[in-house]
Protein backbone atom coordinates (compact mmCIF):
# COMPACT_ATOMS: atom_id res chain seq x y z
CA UNK A 1 85.12 130.95 149.18
CA UNK A 2 82.74 129.34 146.71
CA UNK A 3 84.04 131.61 143.93
CA UNK A 4 87.59 130.58 144.77
CA UNK A 5 86.71 126.87 144.63
CA UNK A 6 84.86 127.39 141.34
CA UNK A 7 87.88 129.14 139.86
CA UNK A 8 90.17 126.36 141.12
CA UNK A 9 87.92 123.68 139.63
CA UNK A 10 87.83 125.43 136.24
CA UNK A 11 91.61 125.72 136.27
CA UNK A 12 91.96 122.01 137.04
CA UNK A 13 89.56 121.11 134.22
CA UNK A 14 91.43 123.32 131.78
CA UNK A 15 94.76 121.82 132.86
CA UNK A 16 93.34 118.31 132.51
CA UNK A 17 92.03 119.14 129.01
CA UNK A 18 95.37 120.59 127.88
CA UNK A 19 97.39 117.72 129.38
CA UNK A 20 95.18 115.22 127.55
CA UNK A 21 95.76 117.01 124.24
CA UNK A 22 99.50 117.26 124.87
CA UNK A 23 99.62 113.56 125.73
CA UNK A 24 97.73 112.60 122.57
CA UNK A 25 99.89 114.93 120.46
CA UNK A 26 103.21 113.55 121.70
CA UNK A 27 102.13 109.92 121.33
CA UNK A 28 100.82 110.49 117.80
CA UNK A 29 103.97 112.44 116.95
CA UNK A 30 106.14 109.50 118.03
CA UNK A 31 104.00 107.12 115.99
CA UNK A 32 104.17 109.44 112.99
CA UNK A 33 107.92 109.79 113.41
CA UNK A 34 108.26 106.03 113.37
CA UNK A 35 106.03 106.00 110.28
CA UNK A 36 108.39 108.46 108.58
CA UNK A 37 111.35 106.24 109.45
CA UNK A 38 109.56 103.18 108.08
CA UNK A 39 108.55 105.07 104.95
CA UNK A 40 112.07 106.29 104.25
CA UNK A 41 113.54 102.91 105.19
CA UNK A 42 111.35 101.26 102.55
CA UNK A 43 112.31 103.85 99.94
CA UNK A 44 115.98 103.53 100.88
CA UNK A 45 115.75 99.74 100.71
CA UNK A 46 114.16 99.97 97.24
CA UNK A 47 116.80 102.50 96.17
CA UNK A 48 119.62 100.16 97.25
CA UNK A 49 118.00 97.15 95.60
CA UNK A 50 117.44 99.01 92.34
CA UNK A 51 121.13 99.83 92.19
CA UNK A 52 121.97 96.13 92.33
CA UNK A 53 121.59 94.77 88.85
CA UNK A 54 123.72 92.75 86.48
CA UNK A 55 125.98 93.31 83.53
CA UNK A 56 125.35 91.62 80.19
CA UNK A 57 128.65 91.25 78.32
CA UNK A 58 128.19 91.12 74.56
CA UNK A 59 130.03 89.08 71.93
CA UNK A 60 132.66 90.81 69.81
CA UNK A 61 130.75 90.37 66.57
CA UNK A 62 127.51 91.94 67.81
CA UNK A 63 126.41 94.95 65.76
CA UNK A 64 124.65 98.16 66.76
CA UNK A 65 121.24 96.99 65.52
CA UNK A 66 121.43 93.83 67.65
CA UNK A 67 122.37 95.87 70.71
CA UNK A 68 119.42 98.23 70.18
CA UNK A 69 117.07 95.26 69.77
CA UNK A 70 118.39 93.56 72.92
CA UNK A 71 117.98 96.77 74.95
CA UNK A 72 114.42 97.20 73.68
CA UNK A 73 113.67 93.62 74.68
CA UNK A 74 115.08 94.16 78.16
CA UNK A 75 113.39 97.53 78.66
CA UNK A 76 110.04 95.95 77.78
CA UNK A 77 110.35 93.43 80.62
CA UNK A 78 108.30 94.17 83.75
CA UNK A 79 111.24 93.49 86.05
CA UNK A 80 113.68 95.93 84.39
CA UNK A 81 113.92 99.49 85.72
CA UNK A 82 116.58 100.77 83.33
CA UNK A 83 119.38 99.73 80.97
CA UNK A 84 122.57 101.45 79.88
CA UNK A 85 124.73 100.49 76.90
CA UNK A 86 128.47 100.62 77.65
CA UNK A 87 130.63 100.63 74.51
CA UNK A 88 134.12 99.13 74.43
CA UNK A 89 135.60 102.61 74.35
CA UNK A 90 133.58 103.82 77.36
CA UNK A 91 134.41 100.67 79.33
CA UNK A 92 138.11 101.24 78.64
CA UNK A 93 137.91 104.92 79.60
CA UNK A 94 136.13 104.09 82.87
CA UNK A 95 138.70 101.42 83.77
CA UNK A 96 141.62 103.74 82.95
CA UNK A 97 140.08 106.36 85.21
CA UNK A 98 139.70 103.83 88.04
CA UNK A 99 143.21 102.35 87.88
CA UNK A 100 144.97 105.50 86.74
CA UNK A 101 146.92 103.75 83.97
CA UNK A 102 146.66 103.52 80.19
CA UNK A 103 146.46 99.74 79.87
CA UNK A 104 145.49 99.93 76.18
CA UNK A 105 148.89 101.40 75.23
CA UNK A 106 150.57 98.67 77.25
CA UNK A 107 148.53 95.80 75.75
CA UNK A 108 148.23 97.26 72.29
CA UNK A 109 144.47 96.59 72.09
CA UNK A 110 141.25 97.01 74.06
CA UNK A 111 140.31 93.66 75.69
CA UNK A 112 137.08 94.90 77.24
CA UNK A 113 133.79 93.84 75.61
CA UNK A 114 130.78 96.04 75.11
CA UNK A 115 128.08 95.49 77.70
CA UNK A 116 124.63 96.46 78.92
CA UNK A 117 124.15 97.41 82.57
CA UNK A 118 120.70 96.33 83.73
CA UNK A 119 119.00 97.69 86.85
CA UNK A 120 116.06 95.74 88.22
CA UNK A 121 112.96 96.93 90.03
CA UNK A 122 113.18 96.46 93.80
CA UNK A 123 110.73 93.54 93.95
CA UNK A 124 112.86 91.49 91.55
CA UNK A 125 116.29 92.29 93.04
CA UNK A 126 116.82 88.89 94.63
CA UNK A 127 118.93 85.82 93.94
CA UNK A 128 116.08 83.69 92.57
CA UNK A 129 114.97 86.28 90.03
CA UNK A 130 118.55 87.03 88.97
CA UNK A 131 119.27 83.32 88.42
CA UNK A 132 116.19 82.97 86.22
CA UNK A 133 117.17 86.06 84.22
CA UNK A 134 120.76 84.87 83.87
CA UNK A 135 119.64 81.49 82.49
CA UNK A 136 117.34 83.24 80.05
CA UNK A 137 119.92 85.74 78.79
CA UNK A 138 122.82 83.32 78.29
CA UNK A 139 120.73 81.56 75.64
CA UNK A 140 120.86 84.69 73.50
CA UNK A 141 123.46 84.39 70.70
CA UNK A 142 124.60 88.00 71.23
CA UNK A 143 125.33 87.49 74.93
CA UNK A 144 128.77 86.31 76.01
CA UNK A 145 128.30 86.35 79.78
CA UNK A 146 126.02 87.63 82.52
CA UNK A 147 127.78 88.91 85.63
CA UNK A 148 126.50 89.95 89.07
CA UNK A 149 127.60 89.57 92.68
CA UNK A 150 125.52 86.65 93.95
CA UNK A 151 126.80 86.73 97.53
CA UNK A 152 126.21 90.50 97.79
CA UNK A 153 122.62 90.18 96.61
CA UNK A 154 121.87 87.38 99.09
CA UNK A 155 123.55 89.15 102.00
CA UNK A 156 121.84 92.46 101.25
CA UNK A 157 118.37 90.94 101.03
CA UNK A 158 118.90 88.91 104.20
CA UNK A 159 120.07 91.96 106.14
CA UNK A 160 117.20 94.10 104.84
CA UNK A 161 114.73 91.38 105.84
CA UNK A 162 116.13 91.23 109.37
CA UNK A 163 116.09 95.02 109.73
CA UNK A 164 112.50 95.15 108.45
CA UNK A 165 111.37 92.55 110.99
CA UNK A 166 113.06 94.43 113.83
CA UNK A 167 111.48 97.74 112.78
CA UNK A 168 108.04 96.15 112.38
CA UNK A 169 108.31 94.51 115.81
CA UNK A 170 109.33 97.80 117.36
CA UNK A 171 106.46 99.55 115.56
CA UNK A 172 103.92 97.07 116.91
CA UNK A 173 105.29 97.51 120.44
CA UNK A 174 105.21 101.30 120.17
CA UNK A 175 101.64 101.20 118.84
CA UNK A 176 100.52 99.14 121.85
CA UNK A 177 102.31 101.53 124.22
CA UNK A 178 100.81 104.54 122.43
CA UNK A 179 97.27 103.18 122.72
CA UNK A 180 97.84 102.43 126.42
CA UNK A 181 99.21 105.93 127.09
CA UNK A 182 96.38 107.73 125.31
CA UNK A 183 93.85 105.47 127.01
CA UNK A 184 95.30 106.15 130.47
CA UNK A 185 95.45 109.90 129.83
CA UNK A 186 91.79 110.01 128.84
CA UNK A 187 90.75 107.71 131.70
CA UNK A 188 92.38 110.11 134.15
CA UNK A 189 90.55 113.00 132.54
CA UNK A 190 87.20 111.21 132.84
CA UNK A 191 88.09 110.05 136.37
CA UNK A 192 88.17 113.67 137.53
CA UNK A 193 84.52 113.98 136.46
CA UNK A 194 83.24 110.70 137.91
CA UNK A 195 81.12 112.46 140.55
CA UNK A 196 79.61 114.70 137.87
CA UNK A 197 78.61 111.59 135.93
CA UNK A 198 76.98 110.07 139.02
CA UNK A 199 75.15 113.35 139.78
CA UNK A 200 73.72 113.41 136.26
CA UNK A 201 72.55 109.82 136.70
CA UNK A 202 70.83 110.67 139.97
CA UNK A 203 68.80 113.46 138.37
CA UNK A 204 67.58 111.08 135.67
CA UNK A 205 69.93 111.70 132.72
CA UNK A 206 70.19 108.78 130.29
CA UNK A 207 73.49 107.09 129.52
CA UNK A 208 73.35 108.40 125.95
CA UNK A 209 72.83 111.96 127.18
CA UNK A 210 75.72 111.70 129.65
CA UNK A 211 78.04 110.01 127.20
CA UNK A 212 77.47 112.44 124.30
CA UNK A 213 79.48 115.49 125.53
CA UNK A 214 82.36 113.26 126.64
CA UNK A 215 82.53 111.53 123.25
CA UNK A 216 82.34 114.86 121.45
CA UNK A 217 85.15 116.17 123.64
CA UNK A 218 87.21 113.02 122.96
CA UNK A 219 86.61 113.47 119.22
CA UNK A 220 87.76 117.09 119.36
CA UNK A 221 90.80 116.18 121.46
CA UNK A 222 91.73 113.52 118.91
CA UNK A 223 91.50 116.00 116.04
CA UNK A 224 93.47 118.71 117.85
CA UNK A 225 96.14 116.22 118.95
CA UNK A 226 96.38 114.85 115.40
CA UNK A 227 96.71 118.31 113.84
CA UNK A 228 99.43 119.32 116.30
CA UNK A 229 101.25 116.01 115.71
CA UNK A 230 101.07 116.56 111.93
CA UNK A 231 102.50 120.08 112.29
CA UNK A 232 105.39 118.66 114.33
CA UNK A 233 105.96 115.91 111.75
CA UNK A 234 106.05 118.37 108.84
CA UNK A 235 108.45 120.60 110.76
CA UNK A 236 110.66 117.59 111.63
CA UNK A 237 110.72 116.45 108.01
CA UNK A 238 111.59 119.98 106.87
CA UNK A 239 114.53 120.15 109.29
CA UNK A 240 115.70 116.65 108.31
CA UNK A 241 115.64 117.49 104.59
CA UNK A 242 117.41 120.76 105.27
CA UNK A 243 120.21 118.93 107.09
CA UNK A 244 120.27 115.95 104.70
CA UNK A 245 119.17 117.13 101.21
CA UNK A 246 119.46 113.56 99.86
CA UNK A 247 116.27 112.70 101.76
CA UNK A 248 114.29 114.72 99.22
CA UNK A 249 115.07 112.08 96.60
CA UNK A 250 113.45 109.43 98.82
CA UNK A 251 110.38 111.52 99.60
CA UNK A 252 107.06 110.18 98.32
CA UNK A 253 104.28 112.78 98.58
CA UNK A 254 101.49 110.20 98.23
CA UNK A 255 102.91 108.02 101.02
CA UNK A 256 103.43 111.05 103.25
CA UNK A 257 99.82 112.15 102.79
CA UNK A 258 98.66 108.62 103.64
CA UNK A 259 100.79 108.75 106.79
CA UNK A 260 99.19 112.04 107.84
CA UNK A 261 95.71 110.61 107.24
CA UNK A 262 96.67 107.52 109.26
CA UNK A 263 97.86 109.67 112.19
CA UNK A 264 94.64 111.71 112.11
CA UNK A 265 92.32 108.69 111.93
CA UNK A 266 94.31 106.84 114.61
CA UNK A 267 94.16 109.83 116.96
CA UNK A 268 90.40 110.19 116.54
CA UNK A 269 89.65 106.47 116.89
CA UNK A 270 91.84 105.90 119.96
CA UNK A 271 90.52 109.04 121.69
CA UNK A 272 86.89 108.18 120.93
CA UNK A 273 87.13 104.54 122.01
CA UNK A 274 89.13 105.38 125.15
CA UNK A 275 86.59 108.04 126.12
CA UNK A 276 83.70 105.67 125.47
CA UNK A 277 85.23 102.90 127.63
CA UNK A 278 86.15 105.29 130.45
CA UNK A 279 82.67 106.87 130.60
CA UNK A 280 81.08 103.42 130.38
CA UNK A 281 83.06 102.33 133.44
CA UNK A 282 81.84 105.22 135.59
CA UNK A 283 78.29 104.87 134.34
CA UNK A 284 78.14 101.34 135.70
CA UNK A 285 80.36 101.51 138.76
CA UNK A 286 78.77 101.35 142.22
CA UNK A 287 78.70 104.59 144.23
CA UNK A 288 80.98 103.23 146.98
CA UNK A 289 83.71 102.51 144.47
CA UNK A 290 83.77 106.07 143.14
CA UNK A 291 86.06 106.99 146.03
CA UNK A 292 88.60 104.26 145.17
CA UNK A 293 88.57 103.91 141.34
């Protein structure tokens, strides 16, 4: 009978240990998944912003040397990501391709000016920066006009700001829920050993001695849960990139490594603190309350 009870107790402890690890793993996986979404959302946002630039239309009399000099000046600016020179002939060819008609034969001449397409870095792709740049460029004698879609830039940045706030709010809420879930899982695990803790106290064990194996176990559970969550995240990212190859262009290895480190550290810290608080409770609770808490 005693052997049967001992076997049953060991099975319960093993089940409790595994359920704690599974709980930590799934919570960290969800947090990591949200981190991946945030990471790719930021890269996607930057990608969209960097494709919103402006076009600098050049005067008819501008020569090749002036164009080269203007491009060098623009490329040297901290806010410029790239520039592309569009000749009159290329502009005409692109427009003919778009409208499907040879308008040059109809008009008898090419009315399109040469231009430089400028793409800005994401941090400068906003209405204020574009207005400052426009005012600066129109003073150049070689520049005829600066064109960009002001309403599109404002609308895009406003929508991206709203989406970012919603995602950040959701992230904060999920983080709170994740901490609560891991904490409750570990508290239940420690709860099953509350009588063992009291027995150790009665035979004279110090709080530090009692707490040590629980904290070590919490540390190990945090590491194991983090590693399993990371494996799931890598597998999820692999499947996502396999289904949507374009995601590879948005992938940032350095950011991804930081995310994995964050998941690992978070798992260890939450597990350790939750274990510490749970053990502390049962070290100080009165004996009568052990049957109710």
